PDB file of all heavy atoms in Angstrom:
ATOM      1  N   TYR A   1      69.817  94.605 119.052  1.00  0.00           N
ATOM      2  CA  TYR A   1      68.980  94.253 117.858  1.00  0.00           C
ATOM      3  C   TYR A   1      67.603  94.866 118.116  1.00  0.00           C
ATOM      4  O   TYR A   1      67.198  95.346 119.149  1.00  0.00           O
ATOM      5  CB  TYR A   1      68.928  92.757 117.769  1.00  0.00           C
ATOM      6  CG  TYR A   1      70.300  92.185 117.431  1.00  0.00           C
ATOM      7  CD1 TYR A   1      71.079  91.587 118.491  1.00  0.00           C
ATOM      8  CD2 TYR A   1      70.833  92.280 116.190  1.00  0.00           C
ATOM      9  CE1 TYR A   1      72.341  91.034 118.238  1.00  0.00           C
ATOM     10  CE2 TYR A   1      72.135  91.800 116.054  1.00  0.00           C
ATOM     11  CZ  TYR A   1      72.936  91.233 116.954  1.00  0.00           C
ATOM     12  OH  TYR A   1      74.078  90.799 116.685  1.00  0.00           O
ATOM     13  N   ILE A   2      66.686  94.628 117.108  1.00  0.00           N
ATOM     14  CA  ILE A   2      65.388  95.217 117.128  1.00  0.00           C
ATOM     15  C   ILE A   2      64.478  94.587 118.165  1.00  0.00           C
ATOM     16  O   ILE A   2      63.533  95.228 118.673  1.00  0.00           O
ATOM     17  CB  ILE A   2      64.733  94.983 115.723  1.00  0.00           C
ATOM     18  CG1 ILE A   2      63.505  95.888 115.521  1.00  0.00           C
ATOM     19  CG2 ILE A   2      64.304  93.593 115.477  1.00  0.00           C
ATOM     20  CD1 ILE A   2      63.868  97.253 115.058  1.00  0.00           C
ATOM     21  N   ASP A   3      64.734  93.367 118.647  1.00  0.00           N
ATOM     22  CA  ASP A   3      63.974  92.704 119.586  1.00  0.00           C
ATOM     23  C   ASP A   3      64.442  93.080 121.067  1.00  0.00           C
ATOM     24  O   ASP A   3      64.020  92.373 121.978  1.00  0.00           O
ATOM     25  CB  ASP A   3      63.850  91.250 119.363  1.00  0.00           C
ATOM     26  CG  ASP A   3      65.225  90.567 119.429  1.00  0.00           C
ATOM     27  OD1 ASP A   3      66.228  91.324 119.355  1.00  0.00           O
ATOM     28  OD2 ASP A   3      65.246  89.318 119.513  1.00  0.00           O
ATOM     29  N   ASP A   4      65.356  93.967 121.211  1.00  0.00           N
ATOM     30  CA  ASP A   4      65.847  94.310 122.598  1.00  0.00           C
ATOM     31  C   ASP A   4      64.749  95.117 123.306  1.00  0.00           C
ATOM     32  O   ASP A   4      64.351  96.268 122.919  1.00  0.00           O
ATOM     33  CB  ASP A   4      67.124  95.184 122.417  1.00  0.00           C
ATOM     34  CG  ASP A   4      67.811  95.344 123.776  1.00  0.00           C
ATOM     35  OD1 ASP A   4      67.233  94.912 124.762  1.00  0.00           O
ATOM     36  OD2 ASP A   4      68.922  96.003 123.745  1.00  0.00           O
ATOM     37  N   GLN A   5      64.208  94.605 124.389  1.00  0.00           N
ATOM     38  CA  GLN A   5      63.119  95.189 125.107  1.00  0.00           C
ATOM     39  C   GLN A   5      63.576  96.450 125.871  1.00  0.00           C
ATOM     40  O   GLN A   5      62.754  97.425 125.885  1.00  0.00           O
ATOM     41  CB  GLN A   5      62.513  94.182 126.104  1.00  0.00           C
ATOM     42  CG  GLN A   5      61.766  93.092 125.443  1.00  0.00           C
ATOM     43  CD  GLN A   5      61.277  92.038 126.419  1.00  0.00           C
ATOM     44  OE1 GLN A   5      61.526  92.177 127.612  1.00  0.00           O
ATOM     45  NE2 GLN A   5      60.645  91.026 125.964  1.00  0.00           N
ATOM     46  N   ASP A   6      64.728  96.557 126.347  1.00  0.00           N
ATOM     47  CA  ASP A   6      65.170  97.758 127.118  1.00  0.00           C
ATOM     48  C   ASP A   6      65.358  98.844 126.151  1.00  0.00           C
ATOM     49  O   ASP A   6      64.946 100.018 126.474  1.00  0.00           O
ATOM     50  CB  ASP A   6      66.606  97.432 127.691  1.00  0.00           C
ATOM     51  CG  ASP A   6      66.477  96.555 128.981  1.00  0.00           C
ATOM     52  OD1 ASP A   6      65.332  96.417 129.489  1.00  0.00           O
ATOM     53  OD2 ASP A   6      67.443  95.935 129.333  1.00  0.00           O
ATOM     54  N   LEU A   7      65.882  98.666 124.974  1.00  0.00           N
ATOM     55  CA  LEU A   7      66.051  99.698 123.965  1.00  0.00           C
ATOM     56  C   LEU A   7      64.685 100.238 123.546  1.00  0.00           C
ATOM     57  O   LEU A   7      64.434 101.425 123.408  1.00  0.00           O
ATOM     58  CB  LEU A   7      66.865  99.216 122.690  1.00  0.00           C
ATOM     59  CG  LEU A   7      67.060 100.139 121.617  1.00  0.00           C
ATOM     60  CD1 LEU A   7      67.827 101.386 122.054  1.00  0.00           C
ATOM     61  CD2 LEU A   7      67.743  99.540 120.399  1.00  0.00           C
ATOM     62  N   ASP A   8      63.746  99.201 123.279  1.00  0.00           N
ATOM     63  CA  ASP A   8      62.440  99.644 122.870  1.00  0.00           C
ATOM     64  C   ASP A   8      61.687 100.436 123.866  1.00  0.00           C
ATOM     65  O   ASP A   8      61.146 101.503 123.621  1.00  0.00           O
ATOM     66  CB  ASP A   8      61.575  98.271 122.535  1.00  0.00           C
ATOM     67  CG  ASP A   8      60.258  98.685 122.001  1.00  0.00           C
ATOM     68  OD1 ASP A   8      60.196  99.539 121.025  1.00  0.00           O
ATOM     69  OD2 ASP A   8      59.315  98.115 122.437  1.00  0.00           O
ATOM     70  N   ARG A   9      61.762 100.017 125.128  1.00  0.00           N
ATOM     71  CA  ARG A   9      61.127 100.846 126.249  1.00  0.00           C
ATOM     72  C   ARG A   9      61.762 102.185 126.469  1.00  0.00           C
ATOM     73  O   ARG A   9      60.996 103.216 126.573  1.00  0.00           O
ATOM     74  CB  ARG A   9      61.293 100.043 127.516  1.00  0.00           C
ATOM     75  CG  ARG A   9      60.498 100.634 128.653  1.00  0.00           C
ATOM     76  CD  ARG A   9      60.525  99.946 130.014  1.00  0.00           C
ATOM     77  NE  ARG A   9      60.882  98.582 130.022  1.00  0.00           N
ATOM     78  CZ  ARG A   9      62.003  98.097 130.370  1.00  0.00           C
ATOM     79  NH1 ARG A   9      63.038  98.794 130.766  1.00  0.00           N
ATOM     80  NH2 ARG A   9      62.278  96.795 130.367  1.00  0.00           N
ATOM     81  N   MET A  10      63.123 102.285 126.288  1.00  0.00           N
ATOM     82  CA  MET A  10      63.823 103.577 126.437  1.00  0.00           C
ATOM     83  C   MET A  10      63.358 104.506 125.355  1.00  0.00           C
ATOM     84  O   MET A  10      63.060 105.648 125.541  1.00  0.00           O
ATOM     85  CB  MET A  10      65.290 103.387 126.362  1.00  0.00           C
ATOM     86  CG  MET A  10      66.111 104.686 126.508  1.00  0.00           C
ATOM     87  SD  MET A  10      67.912 104.436 126.306  1.00  0.00           S
ATOM     88  CE  MET A  10      67.957 104.098 124.557  1.00  0.00           C
ATOM     89  N   LEU A  11      63.223 103.972 124.091  1.00  0.00           N
ATOM     90  CA  LEU A  11      62.892 104.898 122.936  1.00  0.00           C
ATOM     91  C   LEU A  11      61.417 105.310 123.063  1.00  0.00           C
ATOM     92  O   LEU A  11      61.114 106.455 122.691  1.00  0.00           O
ATOM     93  CB  LEU A  11      63.103 104.135 121.572  1.00  0.00           C
ATOM     94  CG  LEU A  11      64.607 103.899 121.214  1.00  0.00           C
ATOM     95  CD1 LEU A  11      64.650 103.062 119.985  1.00  0.00           C
ATOM     96  CD2 LEU A  11      65.334 105.189 121.049  1.00  0.00           C
ATOM     97  N   ARG A  12      60.562 104.424 123.547  1.00  0.00           N
ATOM     98  CA  ARG A  12      59.139 104.861 123.798  1.00  0.00           C
ATOM     99  C   ARG A  12      58.925 105.875 124.858  1.00  0.00           C
ATOM    100  O   ARG A  12      58.062 106.739 124.782  1.00  0.00           O
ATOM    101  CB  ARG A  12      58.290 103.614 124.163  1.00  0.00           C
ATOM    102  CG  ARG A  12      58.085 102.662 122.923  1.00  0.00           C
ATOM    103  CD  ARG A  12      57.316 101.483 123.310  1.00  0.00           C
ATOM    104  NE  ARG A  12      57.263 100.434 122.293  1.00  0.00           N
ATOM    105  CZ  ARG A  12      56.266 100.317 121.464  1.00  0.00           C
ATOM    106  NH1 ARG A  12      55.192 101.130 121.532  1.00  0.00           N
ATOM    107  NH2 ARG A  12      56.256  99.420 120.536  1.00  0.00           N
ATOM    108  N   GLU A  13      59.822 105.826 125.904  1.00  0.00           N
ATOM    109  CA  GLU A  13      59.656 106.708 126.978  1.00  0.00           C
ATOM    110  C   GLU A  13      60.140 108.171 126.747  1.00  0.00           C
ATOM    111  O   GLU A  13      59.882 109.078 127.430  1.00  0.00           O
ATOM    112  CB  GLU A  13      60.360 106.189 128.259  1.00  0.00           C
ATOM    113  CG  GLU A  13      59.545 105.023 128.930  1.00  0.00           C
ATOM    114  CD  GLU A  13      60.309 104.397 130.028  1.00  0.00           C
ATOM    115  OE1 GLU A  13      61.421 104.915 130.355  1.00  0.00           O
ATOM    116  OE2 GLU A  13      59.741 103.534 130.621  1.00  0.00           O
ATOM    117  N   GLN A  14      61.046 108.208 125.647  1.00  0.00           N
ATOM    118  CA  GLN A  14      61.631 109.582 125.298  1.00  0.00           C
ATOM    119  C   GLN A  14      60.463 110.499 124.872  1.00  0.00           C
ATOM    120  O   GLN A  14      59.594 110.020 124.018  1.00  0.00           O
ATOM    121  CB  GLN A  14      62.624 109.369 124.219  1.00  0.00           C
ATOM    122  CG  GLN A  14      63.989 108.885 124.739  1.00  0.00           C
ATOM    123  CD  GLN A  14      64.898 108.792 123.525  1.00  0.00           C
ATOM    124  OE1 GLN A  14      64.656 109.086 122.356  1.00  0.00           O
ATOM    125  NE2 GLN A  14      66.147 108.451 123.941  1.00  0.00           N
ATOM    126  N   GLU A  15      60.514 111.705 125.276  1.00  0.00           N
ATOM    127  CA  GLU A  15      59.637 112.717 124.792  1.00  0.00           C
ATOM    128  C   GLU A  15      60.303 113.517 123.705  1.00  0.00           C
ATOM    129  O   GLU A  15      61.289 114.060 123.951  1.00  0.00           O
ATOM    130  CB  GLU A  15      59.159 113.641 125.992  1.00  0.00           C
ATOM    131  CG  GLU A  15      58.282 112.936 127.012  1.00  0.00           C
ATOM    132  CD  GLU A  15      57.829 113.891 128.082  1.00  0.00           C
ATOM    133  OE1 GLU A  15      57.821 115.097 127.847  1.00  0.00           O
ATOM    134  OE2 GLU A  15      57.464 113.354 129.159  1.00  0.00           O
ATOM    135  N   ARG A  16      59.634 113.611 122.621  1.00  0.00           N
ATOM    136  CA  ARG A  16      60.199 114.322 121.446  1.00  0.00           C
ATOM    137  C   ARG A  16      59.473 115.593 121.217  1.00  0.00           C
ATOM    138  O   ARG A  16      58.197 115.721 121.375  1.00  0.00           O
ATOM    139  CB  ARG A  16      60.108 113.451 120.203  1.00  0.00           C
ATOM    140  CG  ARG A  16      61.037 112.234 120.330  1.00  0.00           C
ATOM    141  CD  ARG A  16      60.799 111.293 119.128  1.00  0.00           C
ATOM    142  NE  ARG A  16      61.500 110.082 119.316  1.00  0.00           N
ATOM    143  CZ  ARG A  16      61.005 109.059 119.957  1.00  0.00           C
ATOM    144  NH1 ARG A  16      59.910 109.153 120.592  1.00  0.00           N
ATOM    145  NH2 ARG A  16      61.695 107.920 120.170  1.00  0.00           N
ATOM    146  N   GLU A  17      60.241 116.594 120.829  1.00  0.00           N
ATOM    147  CA  GLU A  17      59.574 117.935 120.581  1.00  0.00           C
ATOM    148  C   GLU A  17      58.813 117.810 119.313  1.00  0.00           C
ATOM    149  O   GLU A  17      59.211 117.301 118.311  1.00  0.00           O
ATOM    150  CB  GLU A  17      60.672 118.931 120.460  1.00  0.00           C
ATOM    151  CG  GLU A  17      60.075 120.427 120.529  1.00  0.00           C
ATOM    152  CD  GLU A  17      61.217 121.401 120.609  1.00  0.00           C
ATOM    153  OE1 GLU A  17      62.247 121.151 121.173  1.00  0.00           O
ATOM    154  OE2 GLU A  17      60.993 122.578 120.036  1.00  0.00           O
ATOM    155  N   GLY A  18      57.593 118.447 119.372  1.00  0.00           N
ATOM    156  CA  GLY A  18      56.734 118.439 118.115  1.00  0.00           C
ATOM    157  C   GLY A  18      55.891 117.158 118.015  1.00  0.00           C
ATOM    158  O   GLY A  18      55.374 116.954 116.939  1.00  0.00           O
ATOM    159  N   ASP A  19      55.859 116.267 118.991  1.00  0.00           N
ATOM    160  CA  ASP A  19      55.156 115.029 118.880  1.00  0.00           C
ATOM    161  C   ASP A  19      53.687 115.371 119.184  1.00  0.00           C
ATOM    162  O   ASP A  19      53.373 115.923 120.236  1.00  0.00           O
ATOM    163  CB  ASP A  19      55.684 114.070 119.956  1.00  0.00           C
ATOM    164  CG  ASP A  19      55.005 112.687 119.835  1.00  0.00           C
ATOM    165  OD1 ASP A  19      54.191 112.604 118.941  1.00  0.00           O
ATOM    166  OD2 ASP A  19      55.403 111.791 120.619  1.00  0.00           O
ATOM    167  N   PRO A  20      52.803 115.041 118.285  1.00  0.00           N
ATOM    168  CA  PRO A  20      51.317 115.476 118.462  1.00  0.00           C
ATOM    169  C   PRO A  20      50.688 114.631 119.530  1.00  0.00           C
ATOM    170  O   PRO A  20      49.737 115.103 120.168  1.00  0.00           O
ATOM    171  CB  PRO A  20      50.676 115.278 117.062  1.00  0.00           C
ATOM    172  CG  PRO A  20      51.621 114.341 116.318  1.00  0.00           C
ATOM    173  CD  PRO A  20      52.999 114.594 116.859  1.00  0.00           C
ATOM    174  N   MET A  21      51.153 113.474 119.720  1.00  0.00           N
ATOM    175  CA  MET A  21      50.492 112.573 120.736  1.00  0.00           C
ATOM    176  C   MET A  21      51.169 112.741 122.151  1.00  0.00           C
ATOM    177  O   MET A  21      50.640 112.126 123.092  1.00  0.00           O
ATOM    178  CB  MET A  21      50.745 111.131 120.347  1.00  0.00           C
ATOM    179  CG  MET A  21      50.054 110.763 119.039  1.00  0.00           C
ATOM    180  SD  MET A  21      48.244 110.830 119.207  1.00  0.00           S
ATOM    181  CE  MET A  21      47.964 109.446 120.235  1.00  0.00           C
ATOM    182  N   ALA A  22      52.159 113.520 122.266  1.00  0.00           N
ATOM    183  CA  ALA A  22      52.790 113.757 123.576  1.00  0.00           C
ATOM    184  C   ALA A  22      51.798 114.321 124.658  1.00  0.00           C
ATOM    185  O   ALA A  22      51.825 113.847 125.806  1.00  0.00           O
ATOM    186  CB  ALA A  22      53.937 114.698 123.464  1.00  0.00           C
ATOM    187  N   ALA A  23      51.004 115.217 124.199  1.00  0.00           N
ATOM    188  CA  ALA A  23      49.963 115.793 125.228  1.00  0.00           C
ATOM    189  C   ALA A  23      49.020 114.762 125.666  1.00  0.00           C
ATOM    190  O   ALA A  23      48.679 114.685 126.881  1.00  0.00           O
ATOM    191  CB  ALA A  23      49.207 116.943 124.482  1.00  0.00           C
ATOM    192  N   LEU A  24      48.585 113.883 124.753  1.00  0.00           N
ATOM    193  CA  LEU A  24      47.576 112.822 125.109  1.00  0.00           C
ATOM    194  C   LEU A  24      48.286 111.777 126.065  1.00  0.00           C
ATOM    195  O   LEU A  24      47.669 111.345 127.037  1.00  0.00           O
ATOM    196  CB  LEU A  24      47.136 112.069 123.832  1.00  0.00           C
ATOM    197  CG  LEU A  24      46.154 111.022 124.026  1.00  0.00           C
ATOM    198  CD1 LEU A  24      44.836 111.576 124.564  1.00  0.00           C
ATOM    199  CD2 LEU A  24      45.811 110.216 122.764  1.00  0.00           C
ATOM    200  N   ILE A  25      49.449 111.441 125.759  1.00  0.00           N
ATOM    201  CA  ILE A  25      50.236 110.562 126.698  1.00  0.00           C
ATOM    202  C   ILE A  25      50.404 111.078 128.072  1.00  0.00           C
ATOM    203  O   ILE A  25      50.288 110.474 129.080  1.00  0.00           O
ATOM    204  CB  ILE A  25      51.562 110.233 126.048  1.00  0.00           C
ATOM    205  CG1 ILE A  25      51.215 109.319 124.793  1.00  0.00           C
ATOM    206  CG2 ILE A  25      52.429 109.387 126.990  1.00  0.00           C
ATOM    207  CD1 ILE A  25      52.551 108.976 123.957  1.00  0.00           C
ATOM    208  N   LYS A  26      50.723 112.466 128.106  1.00  0.00           N
ATOM    209  CA  LYS A  26      50.892 113.011 129.413  1.00  0.00           C
ATOM    210  C   LYS A  26      49.611 113.029 130.232  1.00  0.00           C
ATOM    211  O   LYS A  26      49.594 112.798 131.416  1.00  0.00           O
ATOM    212  CB  LYS A  26      51.379 114.495 129.288  1.00  0.00           C
ATOM    213  CG  LYS A  26      52.778 114.686 128.957  1.00  0.00           C
ATOM    214  CD  LYS A  26      53.244 116.125 128.835  1.00  0.00           C
ATOM    215  CE  LYS A  26      54.618 116.326 128.395  1.00  0.00           C
ATOM    216  NZ  LYS A  26      55.031 117.703 128.300  1.00  0.00           N
ATOM    217  N   LYS A  27      48.505 113.326 129.546  1.00  0.00           N
ATOM    218  CA  LYS A  27      47.157 113.258 130.171  1.00  0.00           C
ATOM    219  C   LYS A  27      46.889 111.897 130.696  1.00  0.00           C
ATOM    220  O   LYS A  27      46.370 111.769 131.895  1.00  0.00           O
ATOM    221  CB  LYS A  27      46.070 113.678 129.245  1.00  0.00           C
ATOM    222  CG  LYS A  27      46.068 115.192 128.943  1.00  0.00           C
ATOM    223  CD  LYS A  27      44.884 115.592 128.023  1.00  0.00           C
ATOM    224  CE  LYS A  27      44.876 116.985 127.656  1.00  0.00           C
ATOM    225  NZ  LYS A  27      43.808 117.322 126.675  1.00  0.00           N
ATOM    226  N   ARG A  28      47.142 110.845 129.950  1.00  0.00           N
ATOM    227  CA  ARG A  28      46.860 109.451 130.413  1.00  0.00           C
ATOM    228  C   ARG A  28      47.730 109.129 131.648  1.00  0.00           C
ATOM    229  O   ARG A  28      47.337 108.577 132.563  1.00  0.00           O
ATOM    230  CB  ARG A  28      47.281 108.520 129.277  1.00  0.00           C
ATOM    231  CG  ARG A  28      46.172 108.443 128.332  1.00  0.00           C
ATOM    232  CD  ARG A  28      46.476 107.354 127.299  1.00  0.00           C
ATOM    233  NE  ARG A  28      45.552 107.261 126.183  1.00  0.00           N
ATOM    234  CZ  ARG A  28      45.775 106.582 125.123  1.00  0.00           C
ATOM    235  NH1 ARG A  28      46.812 105.805 124.940  1.00  0.00           N
ATOM    236  NH2 ARG A  28      44.862 106.632 124.097  1.00  0.00           N
ATOM    237  N   LYS A  29      49.081 109.506 131.597  1.00  0.00           N
ATOM    238  CA  LYS A  29      49.933 109.263 132.704  1.00  0.00           C
ATOM    239  C   LYS A  29      49.457 109.990 133.981  1.00  0.00           C
ATOM    240  O   LYS A  29      49.450 109.438 135.106  1.00  0.00           O
ATOM    241  CB  LYS A  29      51.353 109.689 132.362  1.00  0.00           C
ATOM    242  CG  LYS A  29      52.068 108.732 131.515  1.00  0.00           C
ATOM    243  CD  LYS A  29      53.539 109.117 131.394  1.00  0.00           C
ATOM    244  CE  LYS A  29      54.269 108.156 130.423  1.00  0.00           C
ATOM    245  NZ  LYS A  29      55.713 108.521 130.202  1.00  0.00           N
ATOM    246  N   ALA A  30      49.060 111.312 133.880  1.00  0.00           N
ATOM    247  CA  ALA A  30      48.501 112.043 135.004  1.00  0.00           C
ATOM    248  C   ALA A  30      47.329 111.356 135.596  1.00  0.00           C
ATOM    249  O   ALA A  30      47.093 111.299 136.790  1.00  0.00           O
ATOM    250  CB  ALA A  30      48.260 113.457 134.601  1.00  0.00           C
ATOM    251  N   LYS A  31      46.440 110.877 134.668  1.00  0.00           N
ATOM    252  CA  LYS A  31      45.243 110.301 135.102  1.00  0.00           C
ATOM    253  C   LYS A  31      45.524 108.925 135.884  1.00  0.00           C
ATOM    254  O   LYS A  31      44.899 108.559 136.832  1.00  0.00           O
ATOM    255  CB  LYS A  31      44.241 109.945 133.850  1.00  0.00           C
ATOM    256  CG  LYS A  31      42.904 109.587 134.192  1.00  0.00           C
ATOM    257  CD  LYS A  31      42.108 109.459 132.911  1.00  0.00           C
ATOM    258  CE  LYS A  31      40.671 109.248 133.206  1.00  0.00           C
ATOM    259  NZ  LYS A  31      39.828 109.073 132.071  1.00  0.00           N
ATOM    260  N   GLU A  32      46.420 108.130 135.317  1.00  0.00           N
ATOM    261  CA  GLU A  32      46.815 106.926 136.029  1.00  0.00           C
ATOM    262  C   GLU A  32      47.383 107.141 137.300  1.00  0.00           C
ATOM    263  O   GLU A  32      47.181 106.460 138.283  1.00  0.00           O
ATOM    264  CB  GLU A  32      47.924 106.132 135.032  1.00  0.00           C
ATOM    265  CG  GLU A  32      47.273 105.493 133.902  1.00  0.00           C
ATOM    266  CD  GLU A  32      48.370 104.892 133.011  1.00  0.00           C
ATOM    267  OE1 GLU A  32      49.529 104.814 133.445  1.00  0.00           O
ATOM    268  OE2 GLU A  32      48.013 104.442 131.865  1.00  0.00           O
ATOM    269  N   ASN A  33      48.263 108.226 137.444  1.00  0.00           N
ATOM    270  CA  ASN A  33      48.874 108.578 138.722  1.00  0.00           C
ATOM    271  C   ASN A  33      47.841 108.998 139.782  1.00  0.00           C
ATOM    272  O   ASN A  33      47.917 108.747 140.958  1.00  0.00           O
ATOM    273  CB  ASN A  33      49.975 109.595 138.603  1.00  0.00           C
ATOM    274  CG  ASN A  33      51.220 109.096 137.886  1.00  0.00           C
ATOM    275  OD1 ASN A  33      51.424 107.932 137.840  1.00  0.00           O
ATOM    276  ND2 ASN A  33      51.981 109.971 137.247  1.00  0.00           N
TER     277      ASN A  33
END
């Protein structure tokens, strides 16, 4: 169902081609690491 946290986390972690925010998210993850 929609409130499944594992499904939600898995879908958020997927990188999609053509996503304009993907570069920003990668920068944030690199900075956090």
